[in-house]
Amino acid sequence: MPFYNAATMKPETSEKGPAVARTIPGELMKAGVMTYQLGEGPNPHVHPNEEQFVYVLSGKLNMILGEEIREMGPGDIAHIPRDV
């Protein structure tokens, strides 16, 4: 089984928005650490082949998930199904 450490993963820029990403793609799910500058966030998009979870470590994030809009803060978790 592969094991990862976020501090040692190579940072990459994201095509989904202005962020520094450290991601681990799985077969049906993706995990990663995303870092955004103040006032920035991901552009609206979908992932047709994988689901995601968002766990906010610090700061705030306005999340649009389907028809629902919510402000997320430290400790909040959102499950994003495939193709949403």
N, C-alpha and C. Protein backbone atom coordinates (compact mmCIF):
# COMPACT_ATOMS: atom_id res chain seq x y z
N MET A 1 0.83 -1.19 0.00
CA MET A 1 0.00 0.00 0.00
C MET A 1 0.87 1.25 0.00
N PRO A 2 0.53 2.23 -0.80
CA PRO A 2 1.31 3.47 -0.79
C PRO A 2 0.96 4.35 0.42
N PHE A 3 1.96 5.00 0.95
CA PHE A 3 1.79 5.96 2.02
C PHE A 3 2.37 7.29 1.54
N TYR A 4 1.79 8.39 2.02
CA TYR A 4 2.21 9.72 1.57
C TYR A 4 2.39 10.63 2.77
N ASN A 5 3.18 11.68 2.58
CA ASN A 5 3.34 12.74 3.55
C ASN A 5 3.18 14.04 2.79
N ALA A 6 2.19 14.85 3.16
CA ALA A 6 1.87 16.07 2.41
C ALA A 6 3.06 17.02 2.32
N ALA A 7 3.90 17.05 3.35
CA ALA A 7 5.04 17.97 3.34
C ALA A 7 6.09 17.59 2.31
N THR A 8 6.12 16.33 1.90
CA THR A 8 7.14 15.89 0.95
C THR A 8 6.60 15.73 -0.47
N MET A 9 5.30 15.95 -0.66
CA MET A 9 4.70 15.82 -1.99
C MET A 9 5.03 17.04 -2.84
N LYS A 10 5.29 16.83 -4.12
CA LYS A 10 5.64 17.91 -5.03
C LYS A 10 4.42 18.82 -5.27
N PRO A 11 4.55 20.12 -4.97
CA PRO A 11 3.44 21.04 -5.24
C PRO A 11 3.28 21.29 -6.74
N GLU A 12 2.03 21.38 -7.19
CA GLU A 12 1.71 21.66 -8.58
C GLU A 12 0.65 22.75 -8.62
N THR A 13 0.62 23.52 -9.70
CA THR A 13 -0.46 24.48 -9.87
C THR A 13 -1.68 23.72 -10.40
N SER A 14 -2.86 24.20 -10.05
CA SER A 14 -4.09 23.53 -10.42
C SER A 14 -4.73 24.20 -11.63
N GLU A 15 -5.23 23.39 -12.55
CA GLU A 15 -5.96 23.94 -13.70
C GLU A 15 -7.37 24.34 -13.30
N LYS A 16 -7.82 23.97 -12.09
CA LYS A 16 -9.17 24.26 -11.63
C LYS A 16 -9.28 25.62 -10.96
N GLY A 17 -8.17 26.29 -10.71
CA GLY A 17 -8.22 27.58 -10.05
C GLY A 17 -6.86 27.95 -9.50
N PRO A 18 -6.76 29.14 -8.92
CA PRO A 18 -5.46 29.63 -8.42
C PRO A 18 -5.10 28.97 -7.10
N ALA A 19 -4.38 27.86 -7.14
CA ALA A 19 -4.04 27.15 -5.92
C ALA A 19 -2.72 26.43 -6.09
N VAL A 20 -2.16 26.05 -4.97
CA VAL A 20 -1.04 25.11 -4.97
C VAL A 20 -1.63 23.78 -4.52
N ALA A 21 -1.45 22.74 -5.32
CA ALA A 21 -2.08 21.45 -5.05
C ALA A 21 -1.03 20.38 -4.81
N ARG A 22 -1.31 19.54 -3.86
CA ARG A 22 -0.56 18.31 -3.63
C ARG A 22 -1.62 17.22 -3.60
N THR A 23 -1.76 16.46 -4.68
CA THR A 23 -2.87 15.51 -4.77
C THR A 23 -2.39 14.09 -4.96
N ILE A 24 -3.28 13.18 -4.56
CA ILE A 24 -3.07 11.75 -4.72
C ILE A 24 -4.30 11.21 -5.45
N PRO A 25 -4.18 10.90 -6.74
CA PRO A 25 -5.33 10.36 -7.45
C PRO A 25 -5.51 8.88 -7.16
N GLY A 26 -6.73 8.50 -6.85
CA GLY A 26 -7.07 7.09 -6.69
C GLY A 26 -7.92 6.64 -7.86
N GLU A 27 -8.37 5.41 -7.81
CA GLU A 27 -9.18 4.89 -8.90
C GLU A 27 -10.54 5.58 -8.97
N LEU A 28 -11.19 5.78 -7.81
CA LEU A 28 -12.51 6.41 -7.78
C LEU A 28 -12.56 7.64 -6.89
N MET A 29 -11.45 8.00 -6.29
CA MET A 29 -11.44 9.11 -5.35
C MET A 29 -10.10 9.82 -5.42
N LYS A 30 -10.08 11.10 -5.06
CA LYS A 30 -8.85 11.87 -5.03
C LYS A 30 -8.69 12.48 -3.65
N ALA A 31 -7.47 12.50 -3.14
CA ALA A 31 -7.16 13.16 -1.88
C ALA A 31 -6.05 14.16 -2.17
N GLY A 32 -6.01 15.22 -1.38
CA GLY A 32 -4.95 16.18 -1.60
C GLY A 32 -4.99 17.32 -0.61
N VAL A 33 -3.98 18.15 -0.70
CA VAL A 33 -3.90 19.37 0.10
C VAL A 33 -3.88 20.53 -0.88
N MET A 34 -4.86 21.41 -0.76
CA MET A 34 -4.96 22.59 -1.62
C MET A 34 -4.71 23.82 -0.77
N THR A 35 -3.90 24.74 -1.26
CA THR A 35 -3.62 25.99 -0.55
C THR A 35 -4.01 27.15 -1.46
N TYR A 36 -4.93 27.98 -0.98
CA TYR A 36 -5.38 29.15 -1.74
C TYR A 36 -4.95 30.41 -1.02
N GLN A 37 -4.68 31.45 -1.77
CA GLN A 37 -4.40 32.76 -1.20
C GLN A 37 -5.72 33.40 -0.76
N LEU A 38 -5.65 34.36 0.13
CA LEU A 38 -6.83 35.06 0.62
C LEU A 38 -7.63 35.61 -0.55
N GLY A 39 -8.93 35.34 -0.56
CA GLY A 39 -9.82 35.85 -1.60
C GLY A 39 -9.90 34.95 -2.83
N GLU A 40 -9.11 33.88 -2.87
CA GLU A 40 -9.13 32.98 -4.00
C GLU A 40 -9.80 31.66 -3.61
N GLY A 41 -10.16 30.89 -4.62
CA GLY A 41 -10.75 29.58 -4.40
C GLY A 41 -10.90 28.88 -5.73
N PRO A 42 -11.40 27.66 -5.71
CA PRO A 42 -11.53 26.92 -6.95
C PRO A 42 -12.63 27.49 -7.84
N ASN A 43 -12.41 27.43 -9.13
CA ASN A 43 -13.46 27.79 -10.08
C ASN A 43 -14.51 26.68 -10.09
N PRO A 44 -15.79 27.00 -10.39
CA PRO A 44 -16.80 25.94 -10.48
C PRO A 44 -16.39 24.90 -11.52
N HIS A 45 -16.50 23.63 -11.13
CA HIS A 45 -16.13 22.53 -12.02
C HIS A 45 -16.71 21.23 -11.49
N VAL A 46 -16.64 20.17 -12.28
CA VAL A 46 -17.09 18.85 -11.86
C VAL A 46 -15.97 17.84 -12.12
N HIS A 47 -16.03 16.74 -11.41
CA HIS A 47 -15.13 15.61 -11.62
C HIS A 47 -16.00 14.41 -11.99
N PRO A 48 -16.10 14.08 -13.27
CA PRO A 48 -17.01 13.01 -13.68
C PRO A 48 -16.57 11.61 -13.24
N ASN A 49 -15.28 11.42 -12.94
CA ASN A 49 -14.79 10.07 -12.67
C ASN A 49 -14.33 9.83 -11.24
N GLU A 50 -14.48 10.82 -10.35
CA GLU A 50 -14.01 10.62 -8.98
C GLU A 50 -14.82 11.47 -8.01
N GLU A 51 -14.96 10.97 -6.80
CA GLU A 51 -15.58 11.76 -5.75
C GLU A 51 -14.48 12.40 -4.91
N GLN A 52 -14.86 13.41 -4.13
CA GLN A 52 -13.88 14.10 -3.29
C GLN A 52 -14.50 14.41 -1.94
N PHE A 53 -13.63 14.60 -0.97
CA PHE A 53 -14.02 15.17 0.31
C PHE A 53 -13.21 16.45 0.48
N VAL A 54 -13.83 17.48 1.01
CA VAL A 54 -13.14 18.73 1.33
C VAL A 54 -13.17 18.88 2.85
N TYR A 55 -11.99 19.04 3.43
CA TYR A 55 -11.84 19.25 4.86
C TYR A 55 -11.08 20.55 5.03
N VAL A 56 -11.71 21.55 5.63
CA VAL A 56 -11.09 22.86 5.78
C VAL A 56 -10.21 22.87 7.04
N LEU A 57 -8.92 23.11 6.84
CA LEU A 57 -7.98 23.17 7.95
C LEU A 57 -7.96 24.55 8.60
N SER A 58 -7.99 25.61 7.77
CA SER A 58 -7.98 26.97 8.30
C SER A 58 -8.63 27.90 7.28
N GLY A 59 -9.05 29.04 7.74
CA GLY A 59 -9.69 30.01 6.85
C GLY A 59 -11.14 29.65 6.58
N LYS A 60 -11.70 30.24 5.54
CA LYS A 60 -13.09 29.99 5.17
C LYS A 60 -13.17 29.76 3.68
N LEU A 61 -14.17 29.00 3.25
CA LEU A 61 -14.37 28.67 1.85
C LEU A 61 -15.85 28.69 1.56
N ASN A 62 -16.27 29.45 0.55
CA ASN A 62 -17.66 29.41 0.11
C ASN A 62 -17.79 28.26 -0.87
N MET A 63 -18.61 27.27 -0.52
CA MET A 63 -18.75 26.05 -1.31
C MET A 63 -20.12 26.04 -1.97
N ILE A 64 -20.13 25.82 -3.28
CA ILE A 64 -21.37 25.59 -4.01
C ILE A 64 -21.36 24.12 -4.37
N LEU A 65 -22.34 23.38 -3.86
CA LEU A 65 -22.41 21.95 -4.08
C LEU A 65 -23.82 21.62 -4.55
N GLY A 66 -23.96 21.38 -5.85
CA GLY A 66 -25.29 21.19 -6.42
C GLY A 66 -26.05 22.50 -6.32
N GLU A 67 -27.18 22.48 -5.63
CA GLU A 67 -28.01 23.68 -5.45
C GLU A 67 -27.74 24.38 -4.12
N GLU A 68 -26.87 23.83 -3.30
CA GLU A 68 -26.63 24.38 -1.97
C GLU A 68 -25.35 25.20 -1.93
N ILE A 69 -25.42 26.34 -1.23
CA ILE A 69 -24.26 27.20 -1.03
C ILE A 69 -24.04 27.30 0.48
N ARG A 70 -22.78 27.08 0.89
CA ARG A 70 -22.49 27.12 2.32
C ARG A 70 -21.09 27.66 2.54
N GLU A 71 -20.92 28.44 3.60
CA GLU A 71 -19.59 28.88 4.00
C GLU A 71 -19.01 27.82 4.93
N MET A 72 -17.84 27.32 4.56
CA MET A 72 -17.17 26.30 5.35
C MET A 72 -16.02 26.93 6.11
N GLY A 73 -15.74 26.42 7.30
CA GLY A 73 -14.64 26.90 8.11
C GLY A 73 -13.86 25.74 8.69
N PRO A 74 -12.88 26.02 9.53
CA PRO A 74 -12.03 24.96 10.09
C PRO A 74 -12.85 23.83 10.72
N GLY A 75 -12.51 22.61 10.32
CA GLY A 75 -13.20 21.43 10.84
C GLY A 75 -14.39 20.99 10.01
N ASP A 76 -14.87 21.82 9.09
CA ASP A 76 -16.00 21.44 8.25
C ASP A 76 -15.54 20.48 7.15
N ILE A 77 -16.41 19.52 6.83
CA ILE A 77 -16.14 18.53 5.80
C ILE A 77 -17.31 18.49 4.82
N ALA A 78 -17.01 18.44 3.54
CA ALA A 78 -18.05 18.28 2.51
C ALA A 78 -17.70 17.07 1.66
N HIS A 79 -18.72 16.27 1.35
CA HIS A 79 -18.55 15.14 0.43
C HIS A 79 -19.07 15.59 -0.93
N ILE A 80 -18.25 15.45 -1.95
CA ILE A 80 -18.63 15.84 -3.32
C ILE A 80 -18.74 14.56 -4.14
N PRO A 81 -19.97 14.14 -4.48
CA PRO A 81 -20.12 12.94 -5.31
C PRO A 81 -19.56 13.16 -6.71
N ARG A 82 -19.30 12.08 -7.42
CA ARG A 82 -18.86 12.19 -8.80
C ARG A 82 -19.87 12.95 -9.63
N ASP A 83 -19.39 13.75 -10.57
CA ASP A 83 -20.21 14.47 -11.54
C ASP A 83 -21.14 15.52 -10.92
N VAL A 84 -20.77 16.05 -9.74
CA VAL A 84 -21.56 17.12 -9.11
C VAL A 84 -20.71 18.38 -9.12
